[in-house]
Amino acid sequence: MDYLSGRLSETECAKRLMARDKRLNLEMESSHPLGYFTPLLVSSFPDAKFLVTIRDPRSWIKSRINFHLNKTPPEWKVYRDFIWARHHTGFSKEEQYLEELGLFSLEAYLKQYAEQYRIIFDAVPEERLMVLKTSDISESVDRISDFVGYEGKALAPVHTNKLADSVKIHEKIPPEFIDAKVEECCGWLMKRIFNMDAKGEAIYRQISH
């Protein structure tokens, strides 16, 4: 939060990231907050590779909202309030249901989603980057192994953190409103990764971001 707010310099942050890496001595790490440090990670760890998983924003936001309702550890509250509140400017009448639940607006969630991917894609050189749709993970184990140079052992995909679908936002919020927000906040990502428009309809041309 200090880094994103400008209270922590890039130089000091990079030092802390390197000290943290030395202390933890991890061969790999999967962590949501690290996405914001991608430019520093790219320069500080020149041999690192970046495997980025991505999910259709309509499916992602349903999962994110359910996660925020079902997983509420107190140590994460300050981080959540900071990360998503930065993009929250109020609720539209179509999404009063989210306000009643004490959540953020669709715009806040989707802007954060797109923001983090923009940071990652702008920072990581193509040769060090592998982008994988979450729907393709199970059948991509060999590709992942080749990309990270992990040989001699079999990797098995495991889906953890499954949650009940307790909030059915598509039943509470007009689908056309969701489509409009997806297009507004994530249109470039839908075209680049999924070759789709906001409604999930295929686009038969390649459009870079």
N, C-alpha and C. Protein backbone atom coordinates (compact mmCIF):
# COMPACT_ATOMS: atom_id res chain seq x y z
N MET A 1 0.83 -1.20 0.00
CA MET A 1 0.00 0.00 0.00
C MET A 1 0.88 1.26 0.00
N ASP A 2 1.98 1.22 0.75
CA ASP A 2 2.91 2.36 0.75
C ASP A 2 3.50 2.57 -0.64
N TYR A 3 3.83 1.49 -1.32
CA TYR A 3 4.40 1.60 -2.66
C TYR A 3 3.41 2.21 -3.63
N LEU A 4 2.18 1.74 -3.64
CA LEU A 4 1.18 2.26 -4.56
C LEU A 4 0.79 3.69 -4.23
N SER A 5 0.93 4.06 -2.99
CA SER A 5 0.58 5.41 -2.57
C SER A 5 1.74 6.40 -2.73
N GLY A 6 2.90 5.90 -3.14
CA GLY A 6 4.05 6.78 -3.34
C GLY A 6 4.82 7.08 -2.07
N ARG A 7 4.50 6.43 -0.96
CA ARG A 7 5.22 6.66 0.29
C ARG A 7 6.49 5.82 0.39
N LEU A 8 6.62 4.84 -0.50
CA LEU A 8 7.80 3.98 -0.53
C LEU A 8 8.41 4.06 -1.92
N SER A 9 9.66 4.44 -2.00
CA SER A 9 10.32 4.62 -3.30
C SER A 9 10.54 3.28 -3.98
N GLU A 10 10.71 3.32 -5.30
CA GLU A 10 10.98 2.10 -6.05
C GLU A 10 12.28 1.46 -5.58
N THR A 11 13.29 2.27 -5.30
CA THR A 11 14.59 1.75 -4.87
C THR A 11 14.46 1.00 -3.54
N GLU A 12 13.78 1.61 -2.58
CA GLU A 12 13.61 0.98 -1.28
C GLU A 12 12.73 -0.26 -1.40
N CYS A 13 11.70 -0.18 -2.21
CA CYS A 13 10.80 -1.32 -2.38
C CYS A 13 11.54 -2.49 -3.00
N ALA A 14 12.37 -2.22 -4.00
CA ALA A 14 13.14 -3.28 -4.64
C ALA A 14 14.08 -3.95 -3.64
N LYS A 15 14.69 -3.15 -2.77
CA LYS A 15 15.57 -3.71 -1.74
C LYS A 15 14.79 -4.65 -0.82
N ARG A 16 13.60 -4.22 -0.44
CA ARG A 16 12.80 -5.04 0.46
C ARG A 16 12.35 -6.33 -0.22
N LEU A 17 12.01 -6.24 -1.51
CA LEU A 17 11.60 -7.44 -2.24
C LEU A 17 12.75 -8.44 -2.34
N MET A 18 13.96 -7.94 -2.57
CA MET A 18 15.11 -8.83 -2.68
C MET A 18 15.45 -9.44 -1.32
N ALA A 19 15.35 -8.64 -0.26
CA ALA A 19 15.61 -9.18 1.08
C ALA A 19 14.56 -10.23 1.45
N ARG A 20 13.32 -9.95 1.06
CA ARG A 20 12.23 -10.89 1.31
C ARG A 20 12.47 -12.20 0.57
N ASP A 21 12.91 -12.10 -0.69
CA ASP A 21 13.19 -13.31 -1.48
C ASP A 21 14.31 -14.13 -0.86
N LYS A 22 15.33 -13.45 -0.38
CA LYS A 22 16.45 -14.15 0.25
C LYS A 22 15.99 -14.84 1.52
N ARG A 23 15.12 -14.18 2.28
CA ARG A 23 14.64 -14.75 3.54
C ARG A 23 13.74 -15.97 3.31
N LEU A 24 12.85 -15.87 2.31
CA LEU A 24 11.90 -16.96 2.07
C LEU A 24 12.51 -18.09 1.25
N ASN A 25 13.45 -17.74 0.37
CA ASN A 25 14.15 -18.74 -0.46
C ASN A 25 13.16 -19.62 -1.23
N LEU A 26 12.22 -18.99 -1.92
CA LEU A 26 11.21 -19.74 -2.67
C LEU A 26 11.66 -19.97 -4.10
N GLU A 27 11.32 -21.14 -4.63
CA GLU A 27 11.56 -21.40 -6.05
C GLU A 27 10.46 -20.81 -6.91
N MET A 28 9.26 -20.73 -6.34
CA MET A 28 8.15 -20.08 -7.04
C MET A 28 7.21 -19.49 -6.02
N GLU A 29 6.40 -18.56 -6.50
CA GLU A 29 5.44 -17.93 -5.60
C GLU A 29 4.19 -17.55 -6.37
N SER A 30 3.05 -17.74 -5.75
CA SER A 30 1.76 -17.33 -6.33
C SER A 30 1.09 -16.41 -5.33
N SER A 31 1.05 -15.11 -5.64
CA SER A 31 0.56 -14.15 -4.66
C SER A 31 -0.10 -12.97 -5.38
N HIS A 32 -1.35 -12.71 -5.05
CA HIS A 32 -2.08 -11.61 -5.69
C HIS A 32 -1.37 -10.26 -5.57
N PRO A 33 -0.91 -9.85 -4.39
CA PRO A 33 -0.29 -8.52 -4.27
C PRO A 33 0.97 -8.35 -5.11
N LEU A 34 1.69 -9.43 -5.40
CA LEU A 34 2.93 -9.30 -6.16
C LEU A 34 2.71 -8.73 -7.56
N GLY A 35 1.50 -8.84 -8.09
CA GLY A 35 1.24 -8.30 -9.42
C GLY A 35 1.58 -6.83 -9.53
N TYR A 36 1.36 -6.08 -8.45
CA TYR A 36 1.64 -4.64 -8.47
C TYR A 36 3.14 -4.34 -8.47
N PHE A 37 3.95 -5.29 -8.06
CA PHE A 37 5.39 -5.09 -8.03
C PHE A 37 6.08 -5.61 -9.29
N THR A 38 5.31 -6.00 -10.29
CA THR A 38 5.88 -6.65 -11.47
C THR A 38 7.04 -5.87 -12.09
N PRO A 39 6.95 -4.56 -12.32
CA PRO A 39 8.10 -3.85 -12.90
C PRO A 39 9.37 -4.00 -12.08
N LEU A 40 9.24 -4.00 -10.75
CA LEU A 40 10.41 -4.16 -9.89
C LEU A 40 10.91 -5.60 -9.91
N LEU A 41 10.01 -6.55 -9.97
CA LEU A 41 10.40 -7.96 -10.01
C LEU A 41 11.14 -8.28 -11.31
N VAL A 42 10.68 -7.71 -12.41
CA VAL A 42 11.31 -7.96 -13.71
C VAL A 42 12.76 -7.49 -13.70
N SER A 43 13.00 -6.30 -13.15
CA SER A 43 14.36 -5.75 -13.13
C SER A 43 15.22 -6.35 -12.03
N SER A 44 14.63 -6.69 -10.91
CA SER A 44 15.40 -7.20 -9.77
C SER A 44 15.77 -8.66 -9.92
N PHE A 45 14.96 -9.41 -10.65
CA PHE A 45 15.20 -10.85 -10.82
C PHE A 45 15.22 -11.18 -12.31
N PRO A 46 16.34 -10.90 -12.99
CA PRO A 46 16.40 -11.04 -14.45
C PRO A 46 16.21 -12.46 -14.97
N ASP A 47 16.37 -13.45 -14.12
CA ASP A 47 16.19 -14.84 -14.56
C ASP A 47 14.79 -15.37 -14.27
N ALA A 48 13.96 -14.56 -13.62
CA ALA A 48 12.62 -15.02 -13.25
C ALA A 48 11.72 -15.10 -14.47
N LYS A 49 10.80 -16.04 -14.43
CA LYS A 49 9.76 -16.15 -15.44
C LYS A 49 8.41 -15.91 -14.79
N PHE A 50 7.46 -15.48 -15.60
CA PHE A 50 6.17 -15.06 -15.06
C PHE A 50 5.04 -15.83 -15.76
N LEU A 51 4.37 -16.64 -14.98
CA LEU A 51 3.22 -17.40 -15.46
C LEU A 51 1.96 -16.68 -14.97
N VAL A 52 1.21 -16.13 -15.91
CA VAL A 52 0.06 -15.32 -15.56
C VAL A 52 -1.22 -16.06 -15.94
N THR A 53 -2.04 -16.35 -14.94
CA THR A 53 -3.33 -16.98 -15.22
C THR A 53 -4.38 -15.89 -15.34
N ILE A 54 -5.33 -16.12 -16.22
CA ILE A 54 -6.35 -15.11 -16.48
C ILE A 54 -7.70 -15.76 -16.70
N ARG A 55 -8.71 -15.08 -16.24
CA ARG A 55 -10.07 -15.61 -16.28
C ARG A 55 -10.98 -14.56 -16.90
N ASP A 56 -11.94 -15.00 -17.67
CA ASP A 56 -12.93 -14.10 -18.26
C ASP A 56 -13.48 -13.19 -17.16
N PRO A 57 -13.47 -11.85 -17.37
CA PRO A 57 -13.86 -10.94 -16.28
C PRO A 57 -15.26 -11.16 -15.73
N ARG A 58 -16.19 -11.63 -16.55
CA ARG A 58 -17.54 -11.88 -16.03
C ARG A 58 -17.51 -13.04 -15.03
N SER A 59 -16.77 -14.08 -15.36
CA SER A 59 -16.63 -15.21 -14.44
C SER A 59 -15.79 -14.81 -13.23
N TRP A 60 -14.75 -14.01 -13.48
CA TRP A 60 -13.87 -13.59 -12.40
C TRP A 60 -14.61 -12.77 -11.36
N ILE A 61 -15.42 -11.81 -11.80
CA ILE A 61 -16.05 -10.92 -10.83
C ILE A 61 -17.07 -11.68 -9.97
N LYS A 62 -17.72 -12.67 -10.54
CA LYS A 62 -18.63 -13.50 -9.75
C LYS A 62 -17.84 -14.24 -8.66
N SER A 63 -16.69 -14.77 -9.04
CA SER A 63 -15.85 -15.48 -8.08
C SER A 63 -15.29 -14.53 -7.03
N ARG A 64 -14.85 -13.35 -7.46
CA ARG A 64 -14.26 -12.39 -6.53
C ARG A 64 -15.27 -11.92 -5.48
N ILE A 65 -16.47 -11.64 -5.93
CA ILE A 65 -17.50 -11.18 -5.00
C ILE A 65 -17.85 -12.28 -4.00
N ASN A 66 -17.97 -13.51 -4.47
CA ASN A 66 -18.24 -14.61 -3.55
C ASN A 66 -17.09 -14.80 -2.57
N PHE A 67 -15.87 -14.61 -3.06
CA PHE A 67 -14.70 -14.75 -2.20
C PHE A 67 -14.72 -13.68 -1.11
N HIS A 68 -15.02 -12.45 -1.48
CA HIS A 68 -15.04 -11.37 -0.50
C HIS A 68 -16.13 -11.57 0.55
N LEU A 69 -17.21 -12.19 0.17
CA LEU A 69 -18.28 -12.44 1.13
C LEU A 69 -17.99 -13.63 2.04
N ASN A 70 -17.34 -14.64 1.49
CA ASN A 70 -17.13 -15.88 2.24
C ASN A 70 -15.80 -15.95 2.97
N LYS A 71 -14.83 -15.17 2.53
CA LYS A 71 -13.51 -15.17 3.15
C LYS A 71 -13.21 -13.77 3.66
N THR A 72 -13.30 -13.60 4.97
CA THR A 72 -13.14 -12.25 5.53
C THR A 72 -12.15 -12.23 6.69
N PRO A 73 -10.93 -12.71 6.49
CA PRO A 73 -9.96 -12.64 7.59
C PRO A 73 -9.63 -11.19 7.91
N PRO A 74 -9.58 -10.82 9.17
CA PRO A 74 -9.39 -9.41 9.54
C PRO A 74 -8.08 -8.83 9.04
N GLU A 75 -7.04 -9.67 8.90
CA GLU A 75 -5.75 -9.14 8.46
C GLU A 75 -5.77 -8.71 6.99
N TRP A 76 -6.82 -9.11 6.25
CA TRP A 76 -6.93 -8.72 4.85
C TRP A 76 -7.84 -7.52 4.64
N LYS A 77 -8.56 -7.11 5.65
CA LYS A 77 -9.55 -6.05 5.46
C LYS A 77 -8.92 -4.74 5.01
N VAL A 78 -7.82 -4.34 5.65
CA VAL A 78 -7.17 -3.07 5.29
C VAL A 78 -6.70 -3.11 3.85
N TYR A 79 -6.09 -4.24 3.44
CA TYR A 79 -5.61 -4.38 2.06
C TYR A 79 -6.77 -4.32 1.07
N ARG A 80 -7.82 -5.06 1.34
CA ARG A 80 -8.97 -5.06 0.43
C ARG A 80 -9.58 -3.67 0.30
N ASP A 81 -9.76 -3.03 1.44
CA ASP A 81 -10.36 -1.70 1.41
C ASP A 81 -9.51 -0.73 0.60
N PHE A 82 -8.21 -0.89 0.68
CA PHE A 82 -7.31 0.00 -0.07
C PHE A 82 -7.34 -0.32 -1.56
N ILE A 83 -7.16 -1.59 -1.91
CA ILE A 83 -7.01 -1.98 -3.32
C ILE A 83 -8.25 -1.66 -4.13
N TRP A 84 -9.42 -1.97 -3.59
CA TRP A 84 -10.64 -1.75 -4.38
C TRP A 84 -11.28 -0.39 -4.14
N ALA A 85 -11.11 0.15 -2.95
CA ALA A 85 -11.70 1.47 -2.66
C ALA A 85 -11.09 2.55 -3.53
N ARG A 86 -9.85 2.37 -3.98
CA ARG A 86 -9.21 3.36 -4.85
C ARG A 86 -10.01 3.60 -6.12
N HIS A 87 -10.76 2.58 -6.55
CA HIS A 87 -11.50 2.66 -7.81
C HIS A 87 -13.00 2.86 -7.59
N HIS A 88 -13.39 2.93 -6.33
CA HIS A 88 -14.83 3.00 -6.04
C HIS A 88 -15.30 4.45 -6.01
N THR A 89 -16.27 4.78 -6.85
CA THR A 89 -16.80 6.15 -6.90
C THR A 89 -18.29 6.18 -6.59
N GLY A 90 -18.84 5.09 -6.12
CA GLY A 90 -20.25 5.04 -5.80
C GLY A 90 -20.97 3.93 -6.55
N PHE A 91 -22.25 3.74 -6.23
CA PHE A 91 -23.04 2.67 -6.84
C PHE A 91 -24.07 3.25 -7.81
N SER A 92 -24.26 2.57 -8.91
CA SER A 92 -25.37 2.89 -9.82
C SER A 92 -26.62 2.21 -9.29
N LYS A 93 -27.77 2.67 -9.76
CA LYS A 93 -29.03 2.11 -9.25
C LYS A 93 -29.14 0.63 -9.59
N GLU A 94 -28.48 0.19 -10.67
CA GLU A 94 -28.57 -1.21 -11.08
C GLU A 94 -27.82 -2.15 -10.12
N GLU A 95 -26.94 -1.61 -9.30
CA GLU A 95 -26.11 -2.47 -8.45
C GLU A 95 -26.28 -2.18 -6.96
N GLN A 96 -27.46 -1.76 -6.59
CA GLN A 96 -27.73 -1.51 -5.18
C GLN A 96 -27.57 -2.78 -4.34
N TYR A 97 -27.75 -3.92 -4.98
CA TYR A 97 -27.59 -5.20 -4.30
C TYR A 97 -26.19 -5.33 -3.72
N LEU A 98 -25.18 -4.87 -4.45
CA LEU A 98 -23.80 -4.94 -3.96
C LEU A 98 -23.60 -4.01 -2.76
N GLU A 99 -24.21 -2.86 -2.81
CA GLU A 99 -24.11 -1.92 -1.69
C GLU A 99 -24.73 -2.53 -0.44
N GLU A 100 -25.86 -3.19 -0.60
CA GLU A 100 -26.53 -3.82 0.55
C GLU A 100 -25.66 -4.89 1.19
N LEU A 101 -24.83 -5.54 0.38
CA LEU A 101 -23.96 -6.59 0.89
C LEU A 101 -22.66 -6.04 1.48
N GLY A 102 -22.46 -4.73 1.37
CA GLY A 102 -21.23 -4.13 1.88
C GLY A 102 -20.03 -4.35 0.98
N LEU A 103 -20.27 -4.54 -0.32
CA LEU A 103 -19.20 -4.77 -1.29
C LEU A 103 -18.87 -3.48 -2.04
N PHE A 104 -18.04 -3.60 -3.05
CA PHE A 104 -17.70 -2.46 -3.90
C PHE A 104 -18.54 -2.51 -5.17
N SER A 105 -18.46 -1.48 -5.96
CA SER A 105 -19.18 -1.44 -7.24
C SER A 105 -18.52 -2.35 -8.26
N LEU A 106 -19.27 -2.72 -9.30
CA LEU A 106 -18.69 -3.50 -10.38
C LEU A 106 -17.51 -2.77 -11.00
N GLU A 107 -17.64 -1.47 -11.16
CA GLU A 107 -16.57 -0.68 -11.76
C GLU A 107 -15.29 -0.79 -10.94
N ALA A 108 -15.42 -0.72 -9.62
CA ALA A 108 -14.24 -0.81 -8.77
C ALA A 108 -13.55 -2.16 -8.93
N TYR A 109 -14.32 -3.23 -8.92
CA TYR A 109 -13.73 -4.56 -9.08
C TYR A 109 -13.07 -4.71 -10.45
N LEU A 110 -13.76 -4.31 -11.50
CA LEU A 110 -13.26 -4.52 -12.85
C LEU A 110 -12.08 -3.62 -13.19
N LYS A 111 -12.06 -2.41 -12.65
CA LYS A 111 -10.92 -1.53 -12.88
C LYS A 111 -9.67 -2.08 -12.21
N GLN A 112 -9.83 -2.66 -11.03
CA GLN A 112 -8.68 -3.26 -10.36
C GLN A 112 -8.19 -4.47 -11.15
N TYR A 113 -9.12 -5.28 -11.61
CA TYR A 113 -8.79 -6.46 -12.42
C TYR A 113 -7.97 -6.06 -13.64
N ALA A 114 -8.45 -5.06 -14.38
CA ALA A 114 -7.76 -4.63 -15.60
C ALA A 114 -6.44 -3.93 -15.27
N GLU A 115 -6.42 -3.16 -14.20
CA GLU A 115 -5.22 -2.42 -13.80
C GLU A 115 -4.05 -3.36 -13.58
N GLN A 116 -4.29 -4.43 -12.85
CA GLN A 116 -3.20 -5.32 -12.51
C GLN A 116 -2.66 -6.04 -13.75
N TYR A 117 -3.55 -6.45 -14.65
CA TYR A 117 -3.07 -7.10 -15.88
C TYR A 117 -2.31 -6.11 -16.75
N ARG A 118 -2.74 -4.86 -16.79
CA ARG A 118 -2.03 -3.86 -17.59
C ARG A 118 -0.61 -3.69 -17.06
N ILE A 119 -0.47 -3.62 -15.74
CA ILE A 119 0.86 -3.48 -15.14
C ILE A 119 1.75 -4.66 -15.53
N ILE A 120 1.19 -5.86 -15.43
CA ILE A 120 1.97 -7.06 -15.74
C ILE A 120 2.37 -7.11 -17.20
N PHE A 121 1.41 -6.92 -18.10
CA PHE A 121 1.70 -7.05 -19.53
C PHE A 121 2.63 -5.95 -20.03
N ASP A 122 2.57 -4.79 -19.43
CA ASP A 122 3.45 -3.70 -19.84
C ASP A 122 4.88 -3.91 -19.34
N ALA A 123 5.04 -4.70 -18.28
CA ALA A 123 6.36 -4.82 -17.65
C ALA A 123 7.14 -6.06 -18.06
N VAL A 124 6.46 -7.18 -18.33
CA VAL A 124 7.17 -8.44 -18.54
C VAL A 124 7.52 -8.64 -20.02
N PRO A 125 8.79 -8.85 -20.34
CA PRO A 125 9.17 -9.16 -21.73
C PRO A 125 8.48 -10.42 -22.21
N GLU A 126 8.14 -10.45 -23.47
CA GLU A 126 7.37 -11.57 -24.01
C GLU A 126 8.05 -12.91 -23.78
N GLU A 127 9.39 -12.93 -23.88
CA GLU A 127 10.10 -14.21 -23.75
C GLU A 127 10.10 -14.73 -22.32
N ARG A 128 9.72 -13.90 -21.37
CA ARG A 128 9.68 -14.33 -19.97
C ARG A 128 8.26 -14.51 -19.47
N LEU A 129 7.31 -14.44 -20.37
CA LEU A 129 5.90 -14.42 -19.98
C LEU A 129 5.13 -15.59 -20.62
N MET A 130 4.32 -16.24 -19.80
CA MET A 130 3.37 -17.23 -20.30
C MET A 130 2.00 -16.86 -19.74
N VAL A 131 1.05 -16.66 -20.63
CA VAL A 131 -0.32 -16.32 -20.23
C VAL A 131 -1.19 -17.54 -20.45
N LEU A 132 -1.91 -17.91 -19.42
CA LEU A 132 -2.70 -19.14 -19.47
C LEU A 132 -4.10 -18.87 -18.96
N LYS A 133 -5.10 -19.18 -19.76
CA LYS A 133 -6.48 -19.08 -19.28
C LYS A 133 -6.70 -20.14 -18.20
N THR A 134 -7.42 -19.75 -17.16
CA THR A 134 -7.63 -20.70 -16.07
C THR A 134 -8.35 -21.95 -16.54
N SER A 135 -9.18 -21.82 -17.56
CA SER A 135 -9.91 -22.97 -18.08
C SER A 135 -8.99 -23.97 -18.77
N ASP A 136 -7.76 -23.55 -19.09
CA ASP A 136 -6.82 -24.42 -19.81
C ASP A 136 -5.73 -24.99 -18.91
N ILE A 137 -5.77 -24.71 -17.62
CA ILE A 137 -4.67 -25.10 -16.75
C ILE A 137 -4.48 -26.62 -16.71
N SER A 138 -5.56 -27.35 -16.53
CA SER A 138 -5.44 -28.81 -16.34
C SER A 138 -4.77 -29.50 -17.52
N GLU A 139 -5.05 -29.02 -18.74
CA GLU A 139 -4.45 -29.66 -19.90
C GLU A 139 -3.15 -29.00 -20.35
N SER A 140 -2.62 -28.09 -19.52
CA SER A 140 -1.41 -27.35 -19.91
C SER A 140 -0.22 -27.65 -19.01
N VAL A 141 -0.29 -28.72 -18.27
CA VAL A 141 0.79 -29.03 -17.32
C VAL A 141 2.12 -29.20 -18.03
N ASP A 142 2.13 -29.88 -19.17
CA ASP A 142 3.39 -30.07 -19.91
C ASP A 142 3.94 -28.74 -20.41
N ARG A 143 3.08 -27.87 -20.89
CA ARG A 143 3.52 -26.55 -21.34
C ARG A 143 4.12 -25.75 -20.19
N ILE A 144 3.48 -25.84 -19.03
CA ILE A 144 3.98 -25.12 -17.85
C ILE A 144 5.35 -25.67 -17.46
N SER A 145 5.48 -26.99 -17.44
CA SER A 145 6.75 -27.62 -17.08
C SER A 145 7.86 -27.18 -18.02
N ASP A 146 7.56 -27.14 -19.32
CA ASP A 146 8.56 -26.71 -20.30
C ASP A 146 8.94 -25.25 -20.09
N PHE A 147 7.95 -24.43 -19.82
CA PHE A 147 8.20 -23.00 -19.68
C PHE A 147 9.10 -22.69 -18.49
N VAL A 148 8.86 -23.35 -17.36
CA VAL A 148 9.65 -23.06 -16.16
C VAL A 148 10.89 -23.94 -16.05
N GLY A 149 11.04 -24.92 -16.98
CA GLY A 149 12.20 -25.79 -16.95
C GLY A 149 12.17 -26.79 -15.82
N TYR A 150 10.97 -27.28 -15.50
CA TYR A 150 10.80 -28.23 -14.41
C TYR A 150 10.69 -29.62 -15.02
N GLU A 151 11.78 -30.37 -14.96
CA GLU A 151 11.83 -31.67 -15.61
C GLU A 151 11.98 -32.79 -14.59
N GLY A 152 11.57 -33.97 -15.00
CA GLY A 152 11.82 -35.15 -14.20
C GLY A 152 10.72 -35.54 -13.25
N LYS A 153 9.76 -34.63 -13.02
CA LYS A 153 8.66 -34.95 -12.13
C LYS A 153 7.35 -34.53 -12.77
N ALA A 154 6.31 -35.23 -12.42
CA ALA A 154 4.99 -34.91 -12.96
C ALA A 154 4.31 -33.87 -12.08
N LEU A 155 3.69 -32.89 -12.72
CA LEU A 155 2.90 -31.90 -12.00
C LEU A 155 1.42 -32.27 -12.12
N ALA A 156 0.71 -32.09 -11.05
CA ALA A 156 -0.72 -32.41 -11.06
C ALA A 156 -1.51 -31.17 -10.66
N PRO A 157 -2.42 -30.71 -11.52
CA PRO A 157 -3.23 -29.53 -11.17
C PRO A 157 -4.19 -29.84 -10.05
N VAL A 158 -4.31 -28.90 -9.12
CA VAL A 158 -5.21 -29.05 -7.99
C VAL A 158 -6.01 -27.77 -7.85
N HIS A 159 -7.33 -27.88 -7.77
CA HIS A 159 -8.19 -26.72 -7.61
C HIS A 159 -8.56 -26.59 -6.14
N THR A 160 -7.99 -25.58 -5.48
CA THR A 160 -8.28 -25.34 -4.07
C THR A 160 -9.13 -24.09 -3.94
N ASN A 161 -9.56 -23.83 -2.73
CA ASN A 161 -10.30 -22.60 -2.43
C ASN A 161 -11.65 -22.52 -3.14
N LYS A 162 -12.27 -23.65 -3.38
CA LYS A 162 -13.58 -23.63 -4.01
C LYS A 162 -14.61 -23.09 -3.02
N LEU A 163 -15.51 -22.28 -3.53
CA LEU A 163 -16.53 -21.67 -2.69
C LEU A 163 -17.92 -21.92 -3.25
N ALA A 164 -18.89 -21.92 -2.37
CA ALA A 164 -20.27 -22.01 -2.83
C ALA A 164 -20.65 -20.73 -3.55
N ASP A 165 -21.46 -20.84 -4.58
CA ASP A 165 -21.89 -19.69 -5.36
C ASP A 165 -23.05 -19.01 -4.63
N SER A 166 -22.71 -18.28 -3.56
CA SER A 166 -23.76 -17.72 -2.70
C SER A 166 -24.34 -16.42 -3.24
N VAL A 167 -23.60 -15.71 -4.07
CA VAL A 167 -24.08 -14.45 -4.63
C VAL A 167 -24.21 -14.58 -6.13
N LYS A 168 -25.41 -14.62 -6.61
CA LYS A 168 -25.64 -14.78 -8.05
C LYS A 168 -25.91 -13.39 -8.64
N ILE A 169 -24.80 -12.67 -8.91
CA ILE A 169 -24.95 -11.28 -9.34
C ILE A 169 -25.67 -11.16 -10.67
N HIS A 170 -25.56 -12.20 -11.51
CA HIS A 170 -26.23 -12.13 -12.81
C HIS A 170 -27.75 -12.23 -12.67
N GLU A 171 -28.21 -12.68 -11.51
CA GLU A 171 -29.65 -12.71 -11.26
C GLU A 171 -30.14 -11.43 -10.59
N LYS A 172 -29.21 -10.68 -10.01
CA LYS A 172 -29.56 -9.47 -9.27
C LYS A 172 -29.25 -8.18 -10.04
N ILE A 173 -28.33 -8.26 -10.99
CA ILE A 173 -27.91 -7.08 -11.74
C ILE A 173 -28.19 -7.33 -13.22
N PRO A 174 -28.79 -6.36 -13.92
CA PRO A 174 -29.11 -6.56 -15.34
C PRO A 174 -27.87 -6.97 -16.15
N PRO A 175 -27.97 -8.04 -16.93
CA PRO A 175 -26.82 -8.51 -17.71
C PRO A 175 -26.24 -7.43 -18.62
N GLU A 176 -27.12 -6.59 -19.20
CA GLU A 176 -26.62 -5.54 -20.09
C GLU A 176 -25.78 -4.51 -19.32
N PHE A 177 -26.08 -4.31 -18.04
CA PHE A 177 -25.28 -3.40 -17.22
C PHE A 177 -23.91 -4.01 -16.97
N ILE A 178 -23.87 -5.30 -16.68
CA ILE A 178 -22.60 -5.99 -16.48
C ILE A 178 -21.76 -5.94 -17.75
N ASP A 179 -22.40 -6.21 -18.91
CA ASP A 179 -21.69 -6.17 -20.18
C ASP A 179 -21.08 -4.79 -20.43
N ALA A 180 -21.83 -3.75 -20.13
CA ALA A 180 -21.35 -2.39 -20.36
C ALA A 180 -20.14 -2.09 -19.49
N LYS A 181 -20.17 -2.53 -18.24
CA LYS A 181 -19.06 -2.29 -17.34
C LYS A 181 -17.83 -3.09 -17.75
N VAL A 182 -18.03 -4.32 -18.21
CA VAL A 182 -16.92 -5.13 -18.69
C VAL A 182 -16.27 -4.47 -19.89
N GLU A 183 -17.07 -3.99 -20.83
CA GLU A 183 -16.53 -3.33 -22.01
C GLU A 183 -15.79 -2.05 -21.63
N GLU A 184 -16.36 -1.29 -20.74
CA GLU A 184 -15.76 -0.02 -20.32
C GLU A 184 -14.41 -0.23 -19.62
N CYS A 185 -14.35 -1.19 -18.74
CA CYS A 185 -13.16 -1.37 -17.92
C CYS A 185 -12.16 -2.37 -18.47
N CYS A 186 -12.66 -3.37 -19.19
CA CYS A 186 -11.80 -4.49 -19.59
C CYS A 186 -11.86 -4.81 -21.08
N GLY A 187 -12.40 -3.89 -21.88
CA GLY A 187 -12.57 -4.18 -23.30
C GLY A 187 -11.27 -4.56 -23.99
N TRP A 188 -10.20 -3.84 -23.68
CA TRP A 188 -8.92 -4.12 -24.32
C TRP A 188 -8.42 -5.52 -23.98
N LEU A 189 -8.69 -5.97 -22.74
CA LEU A 189 -8.22 -7.28 -22.30
C LEU A 189 -9.05 -8.39 -22.93
N MET A 190 -10.35 -8.18 -23.05
CA MET A 190 -11.21 -9.17 -23.70
C MET A 190 -10.78 -9.40 -25.14
N LYS A 191 -10.41 -8.33 -25.81
CA LYS A 191 -10.00 -8.45 -27.21
C LYS A 191 -8.63 -9.10 -27.33
N ARG A 192 -7.72 -8.70 -26.46
CA ARG A 192 -6.35 -9.21 -26.57
C ARG A 192 -6.24 -10.68 -26.20
N ILE A 193 -6.86 -11.08 -25.10
CA ILE A 193 -6.68 -12.44 -24.59
C ILE A 193 -7.75 -13.40 -25.07
N PHE A 194 -8.99 -12.95 -25.05
CA PHE A 194 -10.10 -13.86 -25.32
C PHE A 194 -10.67 -13.73 -26.72
N ASN A 195 -10.24 -12.71 -27.47
CA ASN A 195 -10.82 -12.45 -28.78
C ASN A 195 -12.34 -12.40 -28.70
N MET A 196 -12.82 -11.71 -27.67
CA MET A 196 -14.26 -11.60 -27.45
C MET A 196 -14.62 -10.17 -27.11
N ASP A 197 -15.89 -9.84 -27.31
CA ASP A 197 -16.38 -8.56 -26.84
C ASP A 197 -16.93 -8.73 -25.44
N ALA A 198 -17.52 -7.70 -24.88
CA ALA A 198 -17.97 -7.75 -23.50
C ALA A 198 -19.03 -8.80 -23.25
N LYS A 199 -19.80 -9.15 -24.26
CA LYS A 199 -20.85 -10.15 -24.11
C LYS A 199 -20.33 -11.57 -24.26
N GLY A 200 -19.02 -11.69 -24.54
CA GLY A 200 -18.45 -13.02 -24.72
C GLY A 200 -18.59 -13.54 -26.13
N GLU A 201 -18.92 -12.66 -27.08
CA GLU A 201 -19.06 -13.08 -28.47
C GLU A 201 -17.71 -12.95 -29.17
N ALA A 202 -17.39 -13.93 -29.99
CA ALA A 202 -16.07 -13.99 -30.61
C ALA A 202 -15.83 -12.83 -31.56
N ILE A 203 -14.61 -12.35 -31.54
CA ILE A 203 -14.16 -11.33 -32.48
C ILE A 203 -13.12 -11.98 -33.38
N TYR A 204 -13.32 -11.94 -34.66
CA TYR A 204 -12.45 -12.66 -35.57
C TYR A 204 -11.36 -11.77 -36.15
N ARG A 205 -10.67 -11.06 -35.24
CA ARG A 205 -9.51 -10.30 -35.65
C ARG A 205 -8.65 -10.10 -34.43
N GLN A 206 -7.37 -9.97 -34.63
CA GLN A 206 -6.45 -9.75 -33.54
C GLN A 206 -6.31 -8.26 -33.30
N ILE A 207 -6.48 -7.85 -32.06
CA ILE A 207 -6.34 -6.44 -31.71
C ILE A 207 -5.41 -6.36 -30.53
N SER A 208 -4.29 -5.68 -30.68
CA SER A 208 -3.35 -5.56 -29.58
C SER A 208 -3.80 -4.46 -28.65
N HIS A 209 -3.23 -4.48 -27.45
CA HIS A 209 -3.59 -3.44 -26.47
C HIS A 209 -2.77 -2.19 -26.69
